[in-house]
Protein backbone atom coordinates (compact mmCIF):
# COMPACT_ATOMS: atom_id res chain seq x y z
CA UNK A 1 0.00 0.00 0.00
CA UNK A 2 2.70 2.49 0.93
CA UNK A 3 4.87 1.90 -2.16
CA UNK A 4 2.59 4.16 -4.21
CA UNK A 5 3.51 7.07 -1.96
CA UNK A 6 7.18 6.58 -1.13
CA UNK A 7 10.11 4.26 -0.62
CA UNK A 8 9.46 1.10 1.42
CA UNK A 9 12.49 -0.75 2.76
CA UNK A 10 11.57 -4.12 4.31
CA UNK A 11 13.96 -5.76 6.78
CA UNK A 12 16.08 -2.61 7.19
CA UNK A 13 19.37 -3.35 9.00
CA UNK A 14 20.14 -1.39 12.18
CA UNK A 15 23.63 -0.73 13.56
CA UNK A 16 24.79 -2.37 16.78
CA UNK A 17 23.49 -5.77 17.75
CA UNK A 18 21.82 -7.63 14.91
CA UNK A 19 18.45 -5.92 14.79
CA UNK A 20 16.13 -5.43 11.87
CA UNK A 21 13.21 -3.11 11.36
CA UNK A 22 10.22 -4.81 9.74
CA UNK A 23 9.45 -1.78 7.53
CA UNK A 24 11.25 1.55 7.20
CA UNK A 25 9.06 3.98 5.20
CA UNK A 26 10.36 7.21 3.69
CA UNK A 27 7.62 9.18 1.89
CA UNK A 28 8.25 10.83 -1.47
CA UNK A 29 6.41 13.95 -0.29
CA UNK A 30 4.10 14.88 2.53
CA UNK A 31 0.73 14.57 0.88
CA UNK A 32 -2.91 14.79 1.87
CA UNK A 33 -3.56 12.02 -0.67
CA UNK A 34 -1.84 9.50 1.60
CA UNK A 35 -4.16 10.39 4.49
CA UNK A 36 -7.26 10.38 2.31
CA UNK A 37 -6.51 7.00 0.75
CA UNK A 38 -5.04 5.15 3.73
CA UNK A 39 -6.74 6.68 6.79
CA UNK A 40 -4.75 6.14 10.01
CA UNK A 41 -1.92 4.37 8.15
CA UNK A 42 -1.71 7.42 5.90
CA UNK A 43 -1.44 9.74 8.89
CA UNK A 44 1.39 7.63 10.29
CA UNK A 45 3.10 7.63 6.89
CA UNK A 46 3.13 11.40 6.36
CA UNK A 47 6.69 11.46 7.72
CA UNK A 48 9.54 8.96 7.85
CA UNK A 49 8.24 6.01 9.85
CA UNK A 50 9.18 2.63 11.26
CA UNK A 51 6.48 -0.04 11.24
CA UNK A 52 6.78 -3.11 13.47
CA UNK A 53 3.57 -5.13 13.08
CA UNK A 54 2.77 -7.71 15.75
CA UNK A 55 0.35 -10.60 15.49
CA UNK A 56 -0.21 -10.86 19.24
CA UNK A 57 -0.35 -8.22 22.00
CA UNK A 58 3.11 -6.75 22.56
CA UNK A 59 5.12 -7.16 25.73
CA UNK A 60 7.03 -4.44 27.55
CA UNK A 61 10.30 -5.92 26.26
CA UNK A 62 9.07 -5.78 22.65
CA UNK A 63 8.06 -2.13 23.09
CA UNK A 64 11.50 -1.33 24.53
CA UNK A 65 13.19 -3.09 21.61
CA UNK A 66 11.13 -1.05 19.13
CA UNK A 67 12.04 2.18 20.92
CA UNK A 68 15.72 1.22 20.88
CA UNK A 69 15.57 0.54 17.13
CA UNK A 70 13.88 3.90 16.54
CA UNK A 71 16.56 5.71 18.54
CA UNK A 72 19.35 3.89 16.68
CA UNK A 73 17.83 4.82 13.31
CA UNK A 74 17.47 8.43 14.42
CA UNK A 75 21.11 8.47 15.51
CA UNK A 76 22.32 7.04 12.19
CA UNK A 77 20.30 9.66 10.26
CA UNK A 78 21.76 12.50 12.32
CA UNK A 79 25.36 11.42 11.61
PDB file of N, CA and C in Angstrom:
ATOM      1  N   UNK A   1       0.813  -1.197   0.000  1.00  0.00           N
ATOM      2  CA  UNK A   1       0.000   0.000   0.000  1.00  0.00           C
ATOM      3  C   UNK A   1       0.856   1.260   0.000  1.00  0.00           C
ATOM      4  N   UNK A   2       1.898   1.276   0.795  1.00  0.00           N
ATOM      5  CA  UNK A   2       2.696   2.493   0.930  1.00  0.00           C
ATOM      6  C   UNK A   2       3.611   2.747  -0.264  1.00  0.00           C
ATOM      7  N   UNK A   3       3.922   1.726  -1.060  1.00  0.00           N
ATOM      8  CA  UNK A   3       4.874   1.897  -2.162  1.00  0.00           C
ATOM      9  C   UNK A   3       4.400   2.897  -3.209  1.00  0.00           C
ATOM     10  N   UNK A   4       3.106   3.153  -3.278  1.00  0.00           N
ATOM     11  CA  UNK A   4       2.591   4.155  -4.207  1.00  0.00           C
ATOM     12  C   UNK A   4       2.976   5.564  -3.782  1.00  0.00           C
ATOM     13  N   UNK A   5       3.303   5.744  -2.515  1.00  0.00           N
ATOM     14  CA  UNK A   5       3.506   7.073  -1.960  1.00  0.00           C
ATOM     15  C   UNK A   5       4.940   7.359  -1.534  1.00  0.00           C
ATOM     16  N   UNK A   6       5.809   6.355  -1.565  1.00  0.00           N
ATOM     17  CA  UNK A   6       7.175   6.578  -1.127  1.00  0.00           C
ATOM     18  C   UNK A   6       7.997   5.310  -1.192  1.00  0.00           C
ATOM     19  N   UNK A   7       9.158   5.361  -0.602  1.00  0.00           N
ATOM     20  CA  UNK A   7      10.105   4.261  -0.624  1.00  0.00           C
ATOM     21  C   UNK A   7       9.868   3.359   0.587  1.00  0.00           C
ATOM     22  N   UNK A   8       9.666   2.071   0.353  1.00  0.00           N
ATOM     23  CA  UNK A   8       9.455   1.100   1.418  1.00  0.00           C
ATOM     24  C   UNK A   8      10.674   0.184   1.452  1.00  0.00           C
ATOM     25  N   UNK A   9      11.299   0.084   2.619  1.00  0.00           N
ATOM     26  CA  UNK A   9      12.486  -0.754   2.759  1.00  0.00           C
ATOM     27  C   UNK A   9      12.206  -1.850   3.784  1.00  0.00           C
ATOM     28  N   UNK A  10      11.811  -3.041   3.354  1.00  0.00           N
ATOM     29  CA  UNK A  10      11.567  -4.116   4.315  1.00  0.00           C
ATOM     30  C   UNK A  10      12.879  -4.646   4.894  1.00  0.00           C
ATOM     31  N   UNK A  11      12.815  -5.146   6.100  1.00  0.00           N
ATOM     32  CA  UNK A  11      13.960  -5.758   6.780  1.00  0.00           C
ATOM     33  C   UNK A  11      15.184  -4.854   6.782  1.00  0.00           C
ATOM     34  N   UNK A  12      14.994  -3.592   7.156  1.00  0.00           N
ATOM     35  CA  UNK A  12      16.084  -2.611   7.194  1.00  0.00           C
ATOM     36  C   UNK A  12      17.059  -2.966   8.309  1.00  0.00           C
ATOM     37  N   UNK A  13      18.336  -3.044   8.002  1.00  0.00           N
ATOM     38  CA  UNK A  13      19.370  -3.351   8.997  1.00  0.00           C
ATOM     39  C   UNK A  13      19.583  -2.150   9.917  1.00  0.00           C
ATOM     40  N   UNK A  14      19.882  -2.428  11.182  1.00  0.00           N
ATOM     41  CA  UNK A  14      20.136  -1.395  12.179  1.00  0.00           C
ATOM     42  C   UNK A  14      21.516  -1.657  12.770  1.00  0.00           C
ATOM     43  N   UNK A  15      22.283  -0.586  12.999  1.00  0.00           N
ATOM     44  CA  UNK A  15      23.628  -0.730  13.558  1.00  0.00           C
ATOM     45  C   UNK A  15      23.571  -1.325  14.961  1.00  0.00           C
ATOM     46  N   UNK A  16      24.725  -1.788  15.443  1.00  0.00           N
ATOM     47  CA  UNK A  16      24.789  -2.367  16.784  1.00  0.00           C
ATOM     48  C   UNK A  16      24.518  -3.859  16.728  1.00  0.00           C
ATOM     49  N   UNK A  17      23.859  -4.360  17.756  1.00  0.00           N
ATOM     50  CA  UNK A  17      23.487  -5.769  17.747  1.00  0.00           C
ATOM     51  C   UNK A  17      22.644  -6.040  16.518  1.00  0.00           C
ATOM     52  N   UNK A  18      22.610  -7.303  16.094  1.00  0.00           N
ATOM     53  CA  UNK A  18      21.820  -7.625  14.911  1.00  0.00           C
ATOM     54  C   UNK A  18      20.349  -7.369  15.215  1.00  0.00           C
ATOM     55  N   UNK A  19      19.861  -6.284  14.653  1.00  0.00           N
ATOM     56  CA  UNK A  19      18.448  -5.923  14.786  1.00  0.00           C
ATOM     57  C   UNK A  19      17.961  -5.541  13.412  1.00  0.00           C
ATOM     58  N   UNK A  20      16.731  -5.845  13.128  1.00  0.00           N
ATOM     59  CA  UNK A  20      16.132  -5.434  11.865  1.00  0.00           C
ATOM     60  C   UNK A  20      14.800  -4.774  12.134  1.00  0.00           C
ATOM     61  N   UNK A  21      14.505  -3.776  11.315  1.00  0.00           N
ATOM     62  CA  UNK A  21      13.208  -3.112  11.357  1.00  0.00           C
ATOM     63  C   UNK A  21      12.334  -3.813  10.333  1.00  0.00           C
ATOM     64  N   UNK A  22      11.105  -4.132  10.689  1.00  0.00           N
ATOM     65  CA  UNK A  22      10.222  -4.807   9.738  1.00  0.00           C
ATOM     66  C   UNK A  22      10.005  -3.953   8.502  1.00  0.00           C
ATOM     67  N   UNK A  23       9.650  -2.684   8.671  1.00  0.00           N
ATOM     68  CA  UNK A  23       9.455  -1.783   7.529  1.00  0.00           C
ATOM     69  C   UNK A  23       9.929  -0.382   7.904  1.00  0.00           C
ATOM     70  N   UNK A  24      10.849   0.151   7.101  1.00  0.00           N
ATOM     71  CA  UNK A  24      11.246   1.552   7.200  1.00  0.00           C
ATOM     72  C   UNK A  24      10.596   2.252   6.015  1.00  0.00           C
ATOM     73  N   UNK A  25       9.767   3.258   6.267  1.00  0.00           N
ATOM     74  CA  UNK A  25       9.058   3.979   5.202  1.00  0.00           C
ATOM     75  C   UNK A  25       9.545   5.414   5.138  1.00  0.00           C
ATOM     76  N   UNK A  26       9.931   5.839   3.930  1.00  0.00           N
ATOM     77  CA  UNK A  26      10.362   7.212   3.686  1.00  0.00           C
ATOM     78  C   UNK A  26       9.466   7.762   2.579  1.00  0.00           C
ATOM     79  N   UNK A  27       8.563   8.689   2.898  1.00  0.00           N
ATOM     80  CA  UNK A  27       7.617   9.181   1.886  1.00  0.00           C
ATOM     81  C   UNK A  27       8.311  10.027   0.820  1.00  0.00           C
ATOM     82  N   UNK A  28       7.748   9.981  -0.392  1.00  0.00           N
ATOM     83  CA  UNK A  28       8.250  10.832  -1.474  1.00  0.00           C
ATOM     84  C   UNK A  28       8.003  12.293  -1.130  1.00  0.00           C
ATOM     85  N   UNK A  29       6.795  12.597  -0.707  1.00  0.00           N
ATOM     86  CA  UNK A  29       6.413  13.946  -0.293  1.00  0.00           C
ATOM     87  C   UNK A  29       5.358  13.817   0.789  1.00  0.00           C
ATOM     88  N   UNK A  30       5.203  14.857   1.571  1.00  0.00           N
ATOM     89  CA  UNK A  30       4.101  14.878   2.527  1.00  0.00           C
ATOM     90  C   UNK A  30       2.860  15.237   1.733  1.00  0.00           C
ATOM     91  N   UNK A  31       1.874  14.370   1.747  1.00  0.00           N
ATOM     92  CA  UNK A  31       0.725  14.569   0.879  1.00  0.00           C
ATOM     93  C   UNK A  31      -0.573  14.237   1.594  1.00  0.00           C
ATOM     94  N   UNK A  32      -1.574  15.060   1.341  1.00  0.00           N
ATOM     95  CA  UNK A  32      -2.912  14.792   1.872  1.00  0.00           C
ATOM     96  C   UNK A  32      -3.502  13.536   1.238  1.00  0.00           C
ATOM     97  N   UNK A  33      -3.039  13.192   0.032  1.00  0.00           N
ATOM     98  CA  UNK A  33      -3.565  12.017  -0.670  1.00  0.00           C
ATOM     99  C   UNK A  33      -3.313  10.757   0.150  1.00  0.00           C
ATOM    100  N   UNK A  34      -2.150  10.670   0.774  1.00  0.00           N
ATOM    101  CA  UNK A  34      -1.836   9.499   1.600  1.00  0.00           C
ATOM    102  C   UNK A  34      -2.886   9.354   2.694  1.00  0.00           C
ATOM    103  N   UNK A  35      -3.182  10.428   3.401  1.00  0.00           N
ATOM    104  CA  UNK A  35      -4.160  10.393   4.489  1.00  0.00           C
ATOM    105  C   UNK A  35      -5.541  10.042   3.964  1.00  0.00           C
ATOM    106  N   UNK A  36      -5.927  10.628   2.858  1.00  0.00           N
ATOM    107  CA  UNK A  36      -7.259  10.382   2.306  1.00  0.00           C
ATOM    108  C   UNK A  36      -7.425   8.931   1.883  1.00  0.00           C
ATOM    109  N   UNK A  37      -6.399   8.358   1.275  1.00  0.00           N
ATOM    110  CA  UNK A  37      -6.509   7.001   0.753  1.00  0.00           C
ATOM    111  C   UNK A  37      -6.267   5.918   1.801  1.00  0.00           C
ATOM    112  N   UNK A  38      -5.456   6.196   2.791  1.00  0.00           N
ATOM    113  CA  UNK A  38      -5.045   5.150   3.731  1.00  0.00           C
ATOM    114  C   UNK A  38      -5.492   5.376   5.168  1.00  0.00           C
ATOM    115  N   UNK A  39      -6.226   6.440   5.443  1.00  0.00           N
ATOM    116  CA  UNK A  39      -6.737   6.682   6.787  1.00  0.00           C
ATOM    117  C   UNK A  39      -5.630   6.819   7.816  1.00  0.00           C
ATOM    118  N   UNK A  40      -5.728   6.055   8.920  1.00  0.00           N
ATOM    119  CA  UNK A  40      -4.749   6.139  10.006  1.00  0.00           C
ATOM    120  C   UNK A  40      -3.346   5.777   9.522  1.00  0.00           C
ATOM    121  N   UNK A  41      -3.230   4.733   8.699  1.00  0.00           N
ATOM    122  CA  UNK A  41      -1.917   4.370   8.154  1.00  0.00           C
ATOM    123  C   UNK A  41      -1.333   5.548   7.382  1.00  0.00           C
ATOM    124  N   UNK A  42      -2.165   6.247   6.638  1.00  0.00           N
ATOM    125  CA  UNK A  42      -1.711   7.420   5.899  1.00  0.00           C
ATOM    126  C   UNK A  42      -1.219   8.527   6.808  1.00  0.00           C
ATOM    127  N   UNK A  43      -1.892   8.724   7.930  1.00  0.00           N
ATOM    128  CA  UNK A  43      -1.445   9.740   8.894  1.00  0.00           C
ATOM    129  C   UNK A  43      -0.075   9.370   9.462  1.00  0.00           C
ATOM    130  N   UNK A  44       0.109   8.091   9.767  1.00  0.00           N
ATOM    131  CA  UNK A  44       1.394   7.634  10.295  1.00  0.00           C
ATOM    132  C   UNK A  44       2.498   7.742   9.252  1.00  0.00           C
ATOM    133  N   UNK A  45       2.126   7.648   7.974  1.00  0.00           N
ATOM    134  CA  UNK A  45       3.103   7.633   6.887  1.00  0.00           C
ATOM    135  C   UNK A  45       3.360   9.009   6.278  1.00  0.00           C
ATOM    136  N   UNK A  46       2.876  10.064   6.894  1.00  0.00           N
ATOM    137  CA  UNK A  46       3.129  11.401   6.361  1.00  0.00           C
ATOM    138  C   UNK A  46       4.590  11.814   6.537  1.00  0.00           C
ATOM    139  N   UNK A  47       5.276  11.190   7.466  1.00  0.00           N
ATOM    140  CA  UNK A  47       6.693  11.455   7.722  1.00  0.00           C
ATOM    141  C   UNK A  47       7.437  10.129   7.690  1.00  0.00           C
ATOM    142  N   UNK A  48       8.768  10.191   7.747  1.00  0.00           N
ATOM    143  CA  UNK A  48       9.540   8.956   7.849  1.00  0.00           C
ATOM    144  C   UNK A  48       8.984   8.140   9.012  1.00  0.00           C
ATOM    145  N   UNK A  49       8.869   6.830   8.818  1.00  0.00           N
ATOM    146  CA  UNK A  49       8.241   6.006   9.853  1.00  0.00           C
ATOM    147  C   UNK A  49       8.846   4.606   9.880  1.00  0.00           C
ATOM    148  N   UNK A  50       8.802   4.019  11.056  1.00  0.00           N
ATOM    149  CA  UNK A  50       9.180   2.627  11.260  1.00  0.00           C
ATOM    150  C   UNK A  50       7.907   1.885  11.629  1.00  0.00           C
ATOM    151  N   UNK A  51       7.656   0.775  10.946  1.00  0.00           N
ATOM    152  CA  UNK A  51       6.483  -0.041  11.243  1.00  0.00           C
ATOM    153  C   UNK A  51       6.940  -1.412  11.713  1.00  0.00           C
ATOM    154  N   UNK A  52       6.472  -1.813  12.878  1.00  0.00           N
ATOM    155  CA  UNK A  52       6.780  -3.113  13.471  1.00  0.00           C
ATOM    156  C   UNK A  52       5.457  -3.806  13.788  1.00  0.00           C
ATOM    157  N   UNK A  53       4.862  -4.480  12.806  1.00  0.00           N
ATOM    158  CA  UNK A  53       3.574  -5.129  13.075  1.00  0.00           C
ATOM    159  C   UNK A  53       3.743  -6.355  13.981  1.00  0.00           C
ATOM    160  N   UNK A  54       2.779  -6.555  14.852  1.00  0.00           N
ATOM    161  CA  UNK A  54       2.767  -7.709  15.752  1.00  0.00           C
ATOM    162  C   UNK A  54       1.458  -8.459  15.578  1.00  0.00           C
ATOM    163  N   UNK A  55       1.537  -9.757  15.615  1.00  0.00           N
ATOM    164  CA  UNK A  55       0.352 -10.599  15.493  1.00  0.00           C
ATOM    165  C   UNK A  55      -0.391 -10.680  16.824  1.00  0.00           C
ATOM    166  N   UNK A  56       0.366 -10.730  17.899  1.00  0.00           N
ATOM    167  CA  UNK A  56      -0.208 -10.859  19.241  1.00  0.00           C
ATOM    168  C   UNK A  56       0.056  -9.578  20.033  1.00  0.00           C
ATOM    169  N   UNK A  57      -0.621  -9.403  21.171  1.00  0.00           N
ATOM    170  CA  UNK A  57      -0.354  -8.216  21.998  1.00  0.00           C
ATOM    171  C   UNK A  57       1.136  -8.137  22.349  1.00  0.00           C
ATOM    172  N   UNK A  58       1.676  -6.928  22.307  1.00  0.00           N
ATOM    173  CA  UNK A  58       3.112  -6.755  22.555  1.00  0.00           C
ATOM    174  C   UNK A  58       3.418  -6.766  24.046  1.00  0.00           C
ATOM    175  N   UNK A  59       4.642  -7.168  24.348  1.00  0.00           N
ATOM    176  CA  UNK A  59       5.120  -7.159  25.729  1.00  0.00           C
ATOM    177  C   UNK A  59       5.922  -5.875  25.961  1.00  0.00           C
ATOM    178  N   UNK A  60       6.203  -5.595  27.203  1.00  0.00           N
ATOM    179  CA  UNK A  60       7.027  -4.435  27.554  1.00  0.00           C
ATOM    180  C   UNK A  60       8.395  -4.541  26.883  1.00  0.00           C
ATOM    181  N   UNK A  61       8.992  -5.736  26.888  1.00  0.00           N
ATOM    182  CA  UNK A  61      10.303  -5.923  26.259  1.00  0.00           C
ATOM    183  C   UNK A  61      10.254  -5.637  24.763  1.00  0.00           C
ATOM    184  N   UNK A  62       9.197  -6.045  24.092  1.00  0.00           N
ATOM    185  CA  UNK A  62       9.067  -5.781  22.654  1.00  0.00           C
ATOM    186  C   UNK A  62       8.920  -4.283  22.377  1.00  0.00           C
ATOM    187  N   UNK A  63       8.199  -3.588  23.230  1.00  0.00           N
ATOM    188  CA  UNK A  63       8.064  -2.133  23.085  1.00  0.00           C
ATOM    189  C   UNK A  63       9.425  -1.466  23.275  1.00  0.00           C
ATOM    190  N   UNK A  64      10.162  -1.891  24.286  1.00  0.00           N
ATOM    191  CA  UNK A  64      11.498  -1.328  24.532  1.00  0.00           C
ATOM    192  C   UNK A  64      12.431  -1.583  23.349  1.00  0.00           C
ATOM    193  N   UNK A  65      12.370  -2.771  22.775  1.00  0.00           N
ATOM    194  CA  UNK A  65      13.194  -3.090  21.611  1.00  0.00           C
ATOM    195  C   UNK A  65      12.844  -2.191  20.433  1.00  0.00           C
ATOM    196  N   UNK A  66      11.561  -1.946  20.213  1.00  0.00           N
ATOM    197  CA  UNK A  66      11.129  -1.047  19.133  1.00  0.00           C
ATOM    198  C   UNK A  66      11.633   0.370  19.365  1.00  0.00           C
ATOM    199  N   UNK A  67      11.550   0.837  20.599  1.00  0.00           N
ATOM    200  CA  UNK A  67      12.045   2.178  20.919  1.00  0.00           C
ATOM    201  C   UNK A  67      13.549   2.277  20.691  1.00  0.00           C
ATOM    202  N   UNK A  68      14.273   1.242  21.085  1.00  0.00           N
ATOM    203  CA  UNK A  68      15.718   1.221  20.883  1.00  0.00           C
ATOM    204  C   UNK A  68      16.057   1.279  19.397  1.00  0.00           C
ATOM    205  N   UNK A  69      15.354   0.506  18.583  1.00  0.00           N
ATOM    206  CA  UNK A  69      15.572   0.538  17.133  1.00  0.00           C
ATOM    207  C   UNK A  69      15.311   1.937  16.587  1.00  0.00           C
ATOM    208  N   UNK A  70      14.230   2.553  17.023  1.00  0.00           N
ATOM    209  CA  UNK A  70      13.882   3.899  16.540  1.00  0.00           C
ATOM    210  C   UNK A  70      14.975   4.901  16.902  1.00  0.00           C
ATOM    211  N   UNK A  71      15.494   4.805  18.113  1.00  0.00           N
ATOM    212  CA  UNK A  71      16.563   5.711  18.537  1.00  0.00           C
ATOM    213  C   UNK A  71      17.847   5.465  17.751  1.00  0.00           C
ATOM    214  N   UNK A  72      18.151   4.204  17.455  1.00  0.00           N
ATOM    215  CA  UNK A  72      19.351   3.890  16.676  1.00  0.00           C
ATOM    216  C   UNK A  72      19.227   4.409  15.248  1.00  0.00           C
ATOM    217  N   UNK A  73      18.045   4.293  14.661  1.00  0.00           N
ATOM    218  CA  UNK A  73      17.826   4.819  13.311  1.00  0.00           C
ATOM    219  C   UNK A  73      17.957   6.335  13.323  1.00  0.00           C
ATOM    220  N   UNK A  74      17.373   6.967  14.311  1.00  0.00           N
ATOM    221  CA  UNK A  74      17.470   8.432  14.422  1.00  0.00           C
ATOM    222  C   UNK A  74      18.928   8.870  14.533  1.00  0.00           C
ATOM    223  N   UNK A  75      19.689   8.148  15.347  1.00  0.00           N
ATOM    224  CA  UNK A  75      21.107   8.470  15.512  1.00  0.00           C
ATOM    225  C   UNK A  75      21.861   8.325  14.195  1.00  0.00           C
ATOM    226  N   UNK A  76      21.601   7.248  13.451  1.00  0.00           N
ATOM    227  CA  UNK A  76      22.316   7.038  12.186  1.00  0.00           C
ATOM    228  C   UNK A  76      21.945   8.100  11.150  1.00  0.00           C
ATOM    229  N   UNK A  77      20.723   8.606  11.180  1.00  0.00           N
ATOM    230  CA  UNK A  77      20.296   9.661  10.256  1.00  0.00           C
ATOM    231  C   UNK A  77      20.982  10.974  10.600  1.00  0.00           C
ATOM    232  N   UNK A  78      21.171  11.241  11.884  1.00  0.00           N
ATOM    233  CA  UNK A  78      21.762  12.504  12.320  1.00  0.00           C
ATOM    234  C   UNK A  78      23.268  12.568  12.087  1.00  0.00           C
ATOM    235  N   UNK A  79      23.903  11.443  11.829  1.00  0.00           N
ATOM    236  CA  UNK A  79      25.363  11.424  11.607  1.00  0.00           C
ATOM    237  C   UNK A  79      25.724  12.062  10.315  1.00  0.00           C
TER     238      UNK A  79
END
